[in-house]
Amino acid sequence: MTATTTENTAAPAAAPTGPATATATGPAPATTATAAACPFTGARAGTGAAAPGTPAGAAGAGAGPAGPEAAPVAGAVRAWERDGDQAGDQAGERAWRGAADRSAGFTERYLLSPAVNADPYPYLDALRDHDPVHWSAMHRAWLVTGHEQLTHCLRDPAVSADRVRPLMDAVPEGARDDAERAFGILSRWMVFNDPPRHRRLRQVFQDQFAARAINRYRGFVERATRAMAGRRAAPGRTGDLVADIARPLPALVFARWLGVPQADAPSFWYWNARVGDLVLGAAQEEREYRTSLQSLVNLEDYLAELVRRRRGEPKDDLISAVLAGGRVGTSVSEEEFVGMLTQMAFAGGETTSNLIANTLLALLSRPDQLAAVREDPARLVPAAVEETMRFDGPSKMSIRIAAADLELDGRAVRAGDRLFLVTAAANRDPDRFADPGRFDVRRGTGGPLHLGFGFGAHFCVGAALARLVAVSAVDVLVRERPGLSLVDEPLSWQPSLLNRALTALPVRY
């Protein structure tokens, strides 16, 4: 199968046609489709409408030449034209023509160029080998690709996760009046905070995200997986594994776990999709920003009301469990708790969806590895999911800001500089992993740790839930669909700096 990129992809259902509205007492009226929330690390990419998957019009995040922190290809170009200084413009223009940075035979390439987006690894390997801490005038950021160097950044308090201000700066002037409350909400997200506040916010959810707590949902996840596969993946049928299983399963599980009533799900996922447009740069026009900003406010209003309802009528869900723990009102304010719930809502599905699809693509395109997993699924299905996190994980990078001057691998990084922490490259660093370009389900868990779920203080709080859902989906399909195979059609990947996301995965079940 060949790989291409696309900015628009068809989906099995249309997203809502206009912005939803809400009051403090509940969500907007239900719409005809649901749209997926995004990864626990805040990374999402998507184009086209999907149900309940990626929203219409959402595009991959990324900074183009001199662009904002996250924008799709077209948005990056517009931001480059709008905001770029002369030196950055000239560097970006040279790079677009393939003429930038030819030192030692190395040619820098734009990370959202179609060829690099479709298969980033040859270029990322060359970049890491050339310079594991590389200043890119094209992207106006340090590209950190070495495993040791990236791990150092994740440990260093001078490398900050506080990235709300660049998002605010990207909002068009005409939409600024709507932005104050919305960006106040974002400022309460864990992913945009550094220790010690990050630690205080995270501890509120720590117990509920622990593996022992998540394992309580194992039976539900396995039943939901089999039921969905039975409806959507009948043996002998051809279909799109992303739309049939990989997108809707994490969305279903997450909504149940958070405690969102089924009747509220369409509006809930629509607001999440529009929040993704804001945070990850798909919103480009003033109207789109206004819709996204209002959706974030609507989402907070809805979740605040859900918290109020759960105080009076607890259920078996995340909100009720955290309230019962007694930290809300002591360790964190209720406003902080609701603000963090908007991040949890936003983080509900896309990374897990991509992990499911990428794992199955890796197995189906390597018959020897698939055969090994089928011979010993109890041990090797989880191993295949972990190897996918290293080899071709759902997130390619995260973005940080230098809070102070620091030295990184002999380079002088200045306060305010942007750093792209390219985990996709670090996870294939030959100084850390033997034969890193080979997908091997027997690589084992005793070797070096991948960085697919982050590291240290910002290790993905939802890793246990993502693993549970991904392992369940892969296990059911590998065990119970012996005829599962790829259909010989071109593959396309959503254009994104942050995510590694297939638009579709054509298969025969």
Protein backbone atom coordinates (compact mmCIF):
# COMPACT_ATOMS: atom_id res chain seq x y z
CA MET A 1 0.00 0.00 0.00
CA THR A 2 1.24 3.46 -0.79
CA ALA A 3 1.03 6.48 1.46
CA THR A 4 -0.24 9.91 0.57
CA THR A 5 -1.48 12.91 2.50
CA THR A 6 -4.81 14.59 2.30
CA GLU A 7 -6.49 17.55 3.88
CA ASN A 8 -10.04 16.25 3.52
CA THR A 9 -11.41 12.81 4.21
CA ALA A 10 -14.87 11.41 3.95
CA ALA A 11 -16.48 9.97 7.04
CA PRO A 12 -19.49 7.86 7.81
CA ALA A 13 -21.50 10.70 9.29
CA ALA A 14 -21.58 14.44 9.08
CA ALA A 15 -20.53 16.70 11.92
CA PRO A 16 -22.99 19.27 13.22
CA THR A 17 -23.50 22.05 10.74
CA GLY A 18 -23.21 24.93 13.17
CA PRO A 19 -21.94 25.84 16.61
CA ALA A 20 -23.74 24.29 19.52
CA THR A 21 -25.01 26.36 22.38
CA ALA A 22 -25.51 25.54 26.02
CA THR A 23 -26.81 26.91 29.23
CA ALA A 24 -25.69 26.14 32.74
CA THR A 25 -28.37 23.49 32.96
CA GLY A 26 -27.27 21.23 30.16
CA PRO A 27 -26.01 20.79 26.64
CA ALA A 28 -27.29 21.92 23.34
CA PRO A 29 -29.81 19.78 21.52
CA ALA A 30 -28.43 16.56 20.15
CA THR A 31 -26.97 16.59 16.68
CA THR A 32 -26.66 13.84 14.11
CA ALA A 33 -23.04 12.95 14.70
CA THR A 34 -20.42 12.80 17.38
CA ALA A 35 -16.88 14.05 17.14
CA ALA A 36 -13.84 12.78 18.91
CA ALA A 37 -11.94 14.43 21.68
CA CYS A 38 -8.19 14.45 21.70
CA PRO A 39 -5.23 12.79 23.32
CA PHE A 40 -4.36 12.93 26.98
CA THR A 41 -1.23 14.78 25.97
CA GLY A 42 -3.27 17.33 24.07
CA ALA A 43 -2.23 16.14 20.63
CA ARG A 44 -4.82 15.79 17.93
CA ALA A 45 -5.01 16.03 14.20
CA GLY A 46 -7.90 15.48 11.89
CA THR A 47 -9.53 16.51 8.70
CA GLY A 48 -13.00 15.85 7.48
CA ALA A 49 -16.10 14.78 9.34
CA ALA A 50 -16.33 11.59 11.28
CA ALA A 51 -18.56 9.87 13.77
CA PRO A 52 -17.74 9.60 16.55
CA GLY A 53 -14.24 10.52 15.45
CA THR A 54 -12.55 13.52 14.02
CA PRO A 55 -14.58 16.69 13.46
CA ALA A 56 -15.22 18.33 10.14
CA GLY A 57 -12.57 20.78 9.11
CA ALA A 58 -10.08 19.92 11.84
CA ALA A 59 -6.53 19.82 10.61
CA GLY A 60 -3.18 18.77 11.92
CA ALA A 61 -1.34 20.92 14.36
CA GLY A 62 1.92 22.47 13.57
CA ALA A 63 3.96 25.55 13.13
CA GLY A 64 4.83 26.26 9.57
CA PRO A 65 7.60 28.64 8.69
CA ALA A 66 7.25 31.31 11.37
CA GLY A 67 3.74 30.10 12.07
CA PRO A 68 1.81 29.90 15.33
CA GLU A 69 2.39 27.01 17.70
CA ALA A 70 -0.08 24.80 15.91
CA ALA A 71 -1.63 25.22 12.49
CA PRO A 72 -2.46 23.15 9.43
CA VAL A 73 -0.48 23.59 6.24
CA ALA A 74 -2.56 26.41 4.81
CA GLY A 75 -2.80 28.11 8.19
CA ALA A 76 0.94 27.90 8.66
CA VAL A 77 1.48 29.63 5.36
CA ARG A 78 -1.01 32.37 6.24
CA ALA A 79 0.61 32.84 9.64
CA TRP A 80 4.04 32.93 8.01
CA GLU A 81 2.87 35.69 5.70
CA ARG A 82 1.16 37.57 8.52
CA ASP A 83 3.65 37.27 11.36
CA GLY A 84 7.02 36.38 9.92
CA ASP A 85 9.92 38.75 10.19
CA GLN A 86 12.08 39.25 7.13
CA ALA A 87 14.82 36.84 8.16
CA GLY A 88 12.35 34.10 8.99
CA ASP A 89 10.48 34.65 5.75
CA GLN A 90 13.65 34.35 3.71
CA ALA A 91 14.72 31.20 5.54
CA GLY A 92 11.29 29.65 5.11
CA GLU A 93 11.15 30.53 1.43
CA ARG A 94 14.56 28.98 0.81
CA ALA A 95 13.52 25.87 2.70
CA TRP A 96 10.31 25.47 0.75
CA ARG A 97 12.53 25.29 -2.34
CA GLY A 98 14.73 22.67 -0.69
CA ALA A 99 17.74 24.95 -0.49
CA ALA A 100 18.04 25.51 3.26
CA ASP A 101 20.83 24.19 5.49
CA ARG A 102 22.98 22.00 3.26
CA SER A 103 25.81 21.83 5.79
CA ALA A 104 27.54 18.46 5.82
CA GLY A 105 25.26 17.30 3.02
CA PHE A 106 22.12 17.78 5.10
CA THR A 107 19.08 19.52 3.59
CA GLU A 108 16.41 20.73 5.97
CA ARG A 109 12.83 19.98 4.95
CA TYR A 110 9.49 21.33 6.05
CA LEU A 111 7.92 18.84 8.48
CA LEU A 112 4.49 19.20 6.91
CA SER A 113 5.63 18.68 3.35
CA PRO A 114 3.57 15.84 1.84
CA ALA A 115 6.45 13.40 1.57
CA VAL A 116 7.71 13.96 5.13
CA ASN A 117 4.20 13.87 6.56
CA ALA A 118 3.48 10.56 4.80
CA ASP A 119 6.71 8.92 6.02
CA PRO A 120 8.64 11.12 8.45
CA TYR A 121 11.17 8.56 9.62
CA PRO A 122 13.88 8.70 6.93
CA TYR A 123 14.07 12.47 7.31
CA LEU A 124 13.89 12.40 11.11
CA ASP A 125 16.66 9.80 11.20
CA ALA A 126 18.82 12.01 9.00
CA LEU A 127 18.04 15.08 11.11
CA ARG A 128 18.91 13.29 14.35
CA ASP A 129 22.14 11.91 12.90
CA HIS A 130 23.06 15.34 11.55
CA ASP A 131 22.25 17.37 14.66
CA PRO A 132 20.12 16.04 17.55
CA VAL A 133 19.52 19.61 18.76
CA HIS A 134 18.99 21.64 15.61
CA TRP A 135 17.89 25.26 15.26
CA SER A 136 15.38 25.46 12.41
CA ALA A 137 14.90 28.92 10.96
CA MET A 138 12.14 27.42 8.85
CA HIS A 139 10.08 26.34 11.86
CA ARG A 140 11.55 28.94 14.22
CA ALA A 141 12.18 26.31 16.83
CA TRP A 142 14.80 23.97 18.18
CA LEU A 143 14.15 20.48 16.83
CA VAL A 144 15.21 18.04 19.56
CA THR A 145 15.47 14.53 18.11
CA GLY A 146 18.00 12.64 20.24
CA HIS A 147 16.67 10.40 23.02
CA GLU A 148 19.13 11.65 25.65
CA GLN A 149 18.60 15.29 24.72
CA LEU A 150 14.82 14.99 24.66
CA THR A 151 14.73 13.23 28.01
CA HIS A 152 16.86 16.04 29.41
CA CYS A 153 14.28 18.58 28.21
CA LEU A 154 11.46 16.68 29.90
CA ARG A 155 13.43 16.80 33.17
CA ASP A 156 14.64 20.41 32.98
CA PRO A 157 12.39 22.95 34.76
CA ALA A 158 13.69 25.62 32.37
CA VAL A 159 11.77 23.85 29.57
CA SER A 160 8.22 24.99 30.19
CA ALA A 161 4.82 23.57 29.25
CA ASP A 162 3.14 26.98 29.69
CA ARG A 163 2.01 27.59 26.11
CA VAL A 164 -1.28 29.45 26.49
CA ARG A 165 0.12 32.84 25.47
CA PRO A 166 1.15 31.73 21.94
CA LEU A 167 -2.38 30.40 21.43
CA MET A 168 -3.83 33.71 22.57
CA ASP A 169 -1.50 35.62 20.30
CA ALA A 170 -2.78 33.63 17.30
CA VAL A 171 -6.41 34.74 17.82
CA PRO A 172 -7.48 37.40 15.29
CA GLU A 173 -8.09 40.84 16.77
CA GLY A 174 -11.81 40.64 15.99
CA ALA A 175 -12.23 37.59 18.22
CA ARG A 176 -10.14 38.79 21.17
CA ASP A 177 -13.16 40.05 23.13
CA ASP A 178 -14.52 36.49 23.23
CA ALA A 179 -11.23 34.99 24.33
CA GLU A 180 -10.67 36.09 27.92
CA ARG A 181 -12.78 33.43 29.63
CA ALA A 182 -11.77 30.69 27.20
CA PHE A 183 -8.06 31.24 27.78
CA GLY A 184 -8.67 31.38 31.50
CA ILE A 185 -10.04 27.84 31.15
CA LEU A 186 -6.99 26.72 29.16
CA SER A 187 -4.70 28.15 31.83
CA ARG A 188 -6.12 25.55 34.23
CA TRP A 189 -5.21 22.59 32.01
CA MET A 190 -2.45 20.39 33.42
CA VAL A 191 -0.66 20.22 30.07
CA PHE A 192 -0.21 24.00 30.12
CA ASN A 193 1.21 24.15 33.65
CA ASP A 194 4.60 23.50 35.22
CA PRO A 195 5.41 22.17 38.69
CA PRO A 196 4.45 22.79 41.42
CA ARG A 197 0.98 23.76 40.13
CA HIS A 198 1.03 20.92 37.60
CA ARG A 199 1.70 18.43 40.40
CA ARG A 200 -1.13 19.80 42.53
CA LEU A 201 -3.63 19.64 39.65
CA ARG A 202 -2.52 16.16 38.58
CA GLN A 203 -2.80 14.66 42.05
CA VAL A 204 -6.56 15.23 42.03
CA PHE A 205 -6.89 12.64 39.23
CA GLN A 206 -3.94 10.41 40.06
CA ASP A 207 -5.84 7.67 41.87
CA GLN A 208 -8.60 7.44 39.26
CA PHE A 209 -6.08 7.09 36.42
CA ALA A 210 -4.01 4.43 38.16
CA ALA A 211 -3.95 1.04 36.47
CA ARG A 212 -5.82 -0.65 39.34
CA ALA A 213 -8.70 1.83 39.01
CA ILE A 214 -8.79 1.65 35.20
CA ASN A 215 -8.82 -2.16 35.32
CA ARG A 216 -12.28 -2.00 36.86
CA TYR A 217 -13.50 -1.09 33.38
CA ARG A 218 -11.78 -4.01 31.65
CA GLY A 219 -14.95 -6.08 31.38
CA PHE A 220 -16.93 -3.15 29.97
CA VAL A 221 -14.20 -2.35 27.44
CA GLU A 222 -13.97 -5.96 26.25
CA ARG A 223 -17.77 -6.27 25.90
CA ALA A 224 -17.96 -2.94 24.06
CA THR A 225 -15.15 -4.01 21.74
CA ARG A 226 -16.82 -7.31 20.82
CA ALA A 227 -20.21 -5.69 20.36
CA MET A 228 -18.78 -3.00 18.10
CA ALA A 229 -16.76 -5.52 16.09
CA GLY A 230 -19.86 -7.66 15.69
CA ARG A 231 -21.85 -4.74 14.28
CA ARG A 232 -19.17 -3.06 12.20
CA ALA A 233 -16.56 -5.68 11.35
CA ALA A 234 -18.42 -8.79 10.20
CA PRO A 235 -16.06 -11.48 8.85
CA GLY A 236 -15.55 -11.17 5.09
CA ARG A 237 -16.76 -7.57 4.97
CA THR A 238 -14.50 -4.81 3.67
CA GLY A 239 -14.44 -1.53 5.54
CA ASP A 240 -12.42 1.26 7.09
CA LEU A 241 -10.97 0.07 10.38
CA VAL A 242 -10.46 3.65 11.56
CA ALA A 243 -14.13 4.60 11.11
CA ASP A 244 -15.48 1.18 12.12
CA ILE A 245 -13.51 0.55 15.32
CA ALA A 246 -10.50 2.76 16.03
CA ARG A 247 -12.40 6.06 16.31
CA PRO A 248 -15.75 5.13 17.86
CA LEU A 249 -14.50 2.64 20.47
CA PRO A 250 -12.31 5.08 22.49
CA ALA A 251 -15.06 7.72 22.29
CA LEU A 252 -17.65 5.28 23.63
CA VAL A 253 -15.41 4.09 26.45
CA PHE A 254 -14.34 7.57 27.46
CA ALA A 255 -17.87 8.98 27.59
CA ARG A 256 -18.94 6.08 29.83
CA TRP A 257 -15.91 6.55 32.09
CA LEU A 258 -16.34 10.32 32.43
CA GLY A 259 -20.06 9.96 33.09
CA VAL A 260 -21.53 11.80 30.10
CA PRO A 261 -25.12 10.62 29.51
CA GLN A 262 -25.68 9.10 26.09
CA ALA A 263 -28.23 11.77 25.19
CA ASP A 264 -25.64 14.50 25.75
CA ALA A 265 -22.87 12.86 23.72
CA PRO A 266 -23.43 14.59 20.35
CA SER A 267 -23.13 18.11 21.78
CA PHE A 268 -20.31 17.03 24.11
CA TRP A 269 -18.19 15.69 21.24
CA TYR A 270 -19.01 18.64 19.00
CA TRP A 271 -17.73 21.11 21.59
CA ASN A 272 -14.60 18.98 22.04
CA ALA A 273 -13.97 19.03 18.31
CA ARG A 274 -14.20 22.80 18.16
CA VAL A 275 -11.90 23.12 21.18
CA GLY A 276 -9.42 21.00 19.24
CA ASP A 277 -9.67 23.44 16.35
CA LEU A 278 -8.63 26.22 18.73
CA VAL A 279 -5.85 24.50 20.65
CA LEU A 280 -4.28 22.73 17.69
CA GLY A 281 -4.60 25.43 15.09
CA ALA A 282 -7.33 24.29 12.71
CA ALA A 283 -9.27 27.48 13.47
CA GLN A 284 -7.93 30.12 11.09
CA GLU A 285 -10.72 32.57 10.31
CA GLU A 286 -12.33 34.89 12.84
CA ARG A 287 -15.65 33.01 12.62
CA GLU A 288 -13.89 29.72 13.35
CA TYR A 289 -12.12 31.21 16.35
CA ARG A 290 -15.38 32.59 17.73
CA THR A 291 -17.04 29.18 17.35
CA SER A 292 -14.13 27.43 19.06
CA LEU A 293 -13.92 29.93 21.91
CA GLN A 294 -17.65 29.68 22.56
CA SER A 295 -17.49 25.89 22.41
CA LEU A 296 -14.86 25.84 25.16
CA VAL A 297 -17.09 28.04 27.31
CA ASN A 298 -20.09 25.79 26.54
CA LEU A 299 -18.06 22.72 27.47
CA GLU A 300 -17.08 24.23 30.82
CA ASP A 301 -20.67 25.26 31.56
CA TYR A 302 -21.89 21.75 30.77
CA LEU A 303 -19.23 20.06 32.91
CA ALA A 304 -19.85 22.45 35.81
CA GLU A 305 -23.51 21.43 35.72
CA LEU A 306 -22.53 17.74 35.51
CA VAL A 307 -20.33 18.19 38.60
CA ARG A 308 -23.28 19.79 40.42
CA ARG A 309 -25.51 16.85 39.48
CA ARG A 310 -22.92 14.30 40.60
CA ARG A 311 -22.57 15.98 43.98
CA GLY A 312 -26.23 15.28 44.60
CA GLU A 313 -26.44 11.97 42.75
CA PRO A 314 -23.08 10.15 42.59
CA LYS A 315 -22.61 7.43 39.99
CA ASP A 316 -19.87 5.04 38.94
CA ASP A 317 -17.81 7.53 36.95
CA LEU A 318 -14.72 9.71 37.11
CA ILE A 319 -16.40 12.87 38.37
CA SER A 320 -18.18 11.09 41.23
CA ALA A 321 -15.00 9.25 42.23
CA VAL A 322 -12.90 12.42 42.35
CA LEU A 323 -15.55 14.28 44.33
CA ALA A 324 -15.70 11.40 46.81
CA GLY A 325 -11.92 11.70 47.30
CA GLY A 326 -12.37 15.05 49.00
CA ARG A 327 -9.68 17.00 47.16
CA VAL A 328 -12.06 19.33 45.34
CA GLY A 329 -12.45 22.37 47.56
CA THR A 330 -9.25 21.59 49.47
CA SER A 331 -6.32 20.74 47.14
CA VAL A 332 -7.98 22.46 44.18
CA SER A 333 -10.87 24.86 43.79
CA GLU A 334 -14.04 23.77 42.05
CA GLU A 335 -13.18 26.18 39.22
CA GLU A 336 -9.82 24.44 38.77
CA PHE A 337 -11.50 21.03 38.86
CA VAL A 338 -14.01 21.93 36.17
CA GLY A 339 -11.26 23.51 34.08
CA MET A 340 -9.27 20.28 34.29
CA LEU A 341 -12.34 18.29 33.31
CA THR A 342 -12.45 20.26 30.06
CA GLN A 343 -8.93 18.93 29.39
CA MET A 344 -10.02 15.40 30.30
CA ALA A 345 -12.94 15.78 27.91
CA PHE A 346 -10.65 17.10 25.19
CA ALA A 347 -8.30 14.18 25.81
CA GLY A 348 -10.82 11.42 25.29
CA GLY A 349 -10.04 9.51 22.15
CA GLU A 350 -7.78 10.59 19.32
CA THR A 351 -4.46 9.28 20.63
CA THR A 352 -6.00 5.91 21.46
CA SER A 353 -7.70 5.81 18.07
CA ASN A 354 -4.39 6.41 16.32
CA LEU A 355 -2.66 3.83 18.51
CA ILE A 356 -5.20 1.15 17.55
CA ALA A 357 -4.95 1.93 13.84
CA ASN A 358 -1.15 2.21 13.78
CA THR A 359 -0.72 -1.07 15.69
CA LEU A 360 -2.95 -2.97 13.30
CA LEU A 361 -1.26 -1.40 10.27
CA ALA A 362 2.14 -2.48 11.60
CA LEU A 363 0.94 -6.05 12.20
CA LEU A 364 -1.06 -6.47 8.98
CA SER A 365 1.85 -5.24 6.87
CA ARG A 366 4.26 -7.69 8.56
CA PRO A 367 2.87 -11.24 8.34
CA ASP A 368 5.63 -12.73 10.50
CA GLN A 369 4.85 -10.36 13.36
CA LEU A 370 1.10 -10.95 13.02
CA ALA A 371 1.66 -14.71 13.12
CA ALA A 372 3.76 -14.38 16.27
CA VAL A 373 1.05 -12.32 17.99
CA ARG A 374 -1.64 -14.84 17.03
CA GLU A 375 0.43 -17.67 18.48
CA ASP A 376 0.78 -15.94 21.86
CA PRO A 377 -1.79 -13.14 22.07
CA ALA A 378 -1.89 -12.86 25.85
CA ARG A 379 1.75 -11.82 25.92
CA LEU A 380 2.36 -10.32 22.51
CA VAL A 381 -0.75 -8.17 21.93
CA PRO A 382 0.29 -5.83 24.78
CA ALA A 383 3.87 -6.02 23.49
CA ALA A 384 2.72 -5.06 19.98
CA VAL A 385 0.91 -2.01 21.35
CA GLU A 386 4.03 -0.92 23.25
CA GLU A 387 6.25 -1.51 20.22
CA THR A 388 3.90 0.63 18.14
CA MET A 389 4.22 3.43 20.69
CA ARG A 390 7.96 3.32 20.01
CA PHE A 391 8.04 2.49 16.31
CA ASP A 392 5.14 4.49 14.86
CA GLY A 393 3.27 6.03 17.75
CA PRO A 394 0.20 8.25 17.68
CA SER A 395 2.12 11.38 18.64
CA LYS A 396 5.17 12.64 16.76
CA MET A 397 6.17 15.51 19.02
CA SER A 398 5.22 17.93 21.75
CA ILE A 399 6.00 21.63 21.97
CA ARG A 400 7.67 23.49 24.82
CA ILE A 401 8.93 26.99 25.54
CA ALA A 402 12.26 27.88 27.17
CA ALA A 403 11.34 29.67 30.41
CA ALA A 404 14.97 30.69 30.96
CA ASP A 405 18.29 30.53 29.15
CA LEU A 406 19.72 27.03 29.13
CA GLU A 407 22.42 24.97 27.47
CA LEU A 408 21.27 21.88 25.59
CA ASP A 409 23.86 19.57 24.07
CA GLY A 410 26.26 22.49 23.73
CA ARG A 411 23.64 24.81 22.18
CA ALA A 412 22.62 28.09 23.79
CA VAL A 413 18.83 28.08 24.04
CA ARG A 414 17.42 31.49 24.95
CA ALA A 415 14.42 32.26 27.12
CA GLY A 416 11.34 32.39 24.91
CA ASP A 417 12.74 30.00 22.29
CA ARG A 418 10.37 27.29 21.13
CA LEU A 419 11.40 23.63 21.29
CA PHE A 420 9.88 20.82 19.27
CA LEU A 421 10.46 17.62 21.27
CA VAL A 422 10.33 15.07 18.46
CA THR A 423 9.57 11.80 20.24
CA ALA A 424 9.10 10.03 16.89
CA ALA A 425 12.82 10.55 16.24
CA ALA A 426 13.99 9.90 19.81
CA ASN A 427 12.11 6.59 19.86
CA ARG A 428 14.25 5.44 16.92
CA ASP A 429 17.57 6.66 18.28
CA PRO A 430 20.16 3.91 17.61
CA ASP A 431 22.11 5.06 20.67
CA ARG A 432 19.13 3.91 22.72
CA PHE A 433 17.44 1.11 20.75
CA ALA A 434 19.00 -1.76 18.85
CA ASP A 435 17.91 -1.95 15.21
CA PRO A 436 15.42 0.87 15.84
CA GLY A 437 13.89 0.84 12.35
CA ARG A 438 12.58 -2.72 12.79
CA PHE A 439 9.13 -3.41 14.25
CA ASP A 440 9.62 -6.31 16.65
CA VAL A 441 6.86 -7.45 19.00
CA ARG A 442 9.42 -9.51 20.90
CA ARG A 443 11.57 -6.50 21.68
CA GLY A 444 10.38 -6.94 25.26
CA THR A 445 9.59 -4.68 28.16
CA GLY A 446 12.92 -5.02 29.93
CA GLY A 447 14.84 -2.81 27.49
CA PRO A 448 14.98 0.96 27.13
CA LEU A 449 11.71 2.79 27.65
CA HIS A 450 10.03 4.56 24.77
CA LEU A 451 8.87 8.15 25.17
CA GLY A 452 5.52 7.68 23.49
CA PHE A 453 3.62 8.49 26.68
CA GLY A 454 6.03 11.20 27.73
CA PHE A 455 8.38 11.12 30.68
CA GLY A 456 8.64 12.41 34.22
CA ALA A 457 6.16 14.98 35.50
CA HIS A 458 4.33 15.10 32.18
CA PHE A 459 4.05 11.34 31.69
CA CYS A 460 0.60 10.80 30.17
CA VAL A 461 -1.90 10.55 33.02
CA GLY A 462 -4.23 8.54 30.78
CA ALA A 463 -1.68 5.93 29.69
CA ALA A 464 -3.38 3.06 31.52
CA LEU A 465 -6.77 3.78 29.92
CA ALA A 466 -5.22 4.19 26.45
CA ARG A 467 -3.40 0.87 26.84
CA LEU A 468 -6.52 -0.92 28.06
CA VAL A 469 -8.65 0.20 25.11
CA ALA A 470 -5.94 -0.34 22.49
CA VAL A 471 -5.01 -3.81 23.74
CA SER A 472 -8.69 -4.82 23.86
CA ALA A 473 -9.33 -3.68 20.28
CA VAL A 474 -6.21 -5.31 18.85
CA ASP A 475 -6.78 -8.50 20.82
CA VAL A 476 -10.36 -9.00 19.61
CA LEU A 477 -9.49 -8.32 15.97
CA VAL A 478 -6.36 -10.46 15.96
CA ARG A 479 -7.97 -13.41 17.76
CA GLU A 480 -11.46 -13.35 16.29
CA ARG A 481 -10.89 -12.14 12.71
CA PRO A 482 -8.45 -14.68 11.21
CA GLY A 483 -9.11 -13.27 7.74
CA LEU A 484 -8.22 -9.71 8.72
CA SER A 485 -6.01 -8.25 5.98
CA LEU A 486 -5.15 -4.99 4.28
CA VAL A 487 -6.98 -3.92 1.15
CA ASP A 488 -4.68 -2.76 -1.60
CA GLU A 489 -5.60 0.91 -1.56
CA PRO A 490 -3.41 3.98 -0.97
CA LEU A 491 -2.99 5.11 2.63
CA SER A 492 -3.20 8.75 3.59
CA TRP A 493 -2.10 10.51 6.74
CA GLN A 494 -3.61 13.61 8.28
CA PRO A 495 -1.27 16.61 7.88
CA SER A 496 -0.03 17.25 11.41
CA LEU A 497 3.16 18.14 13.19
CA LEU A 498 1.93 16.60 16.41
CA ASN A 499 -0.02 13.49 15.48
CA ARG A 500 0.62 10.40 13.39
CA ALA A 501 -2.91 9.69 12.26
CA LEU A 502 -4.29 7.68 9.36
CA THR A 503 -7.33 9.16 7.64
CA ALA A 504 -8.55 5.60 6.94
CA LEU A 505 -7.33 2.01 7.08
CA PRO A 506 -9.05 -0.09 4.36
CA VAL A 507 -9.26 -3.74 5.43
CA ARG A 508 -11.08 -6.99 4.84
CA TYR A 509 -12.39 -8.44 8.09
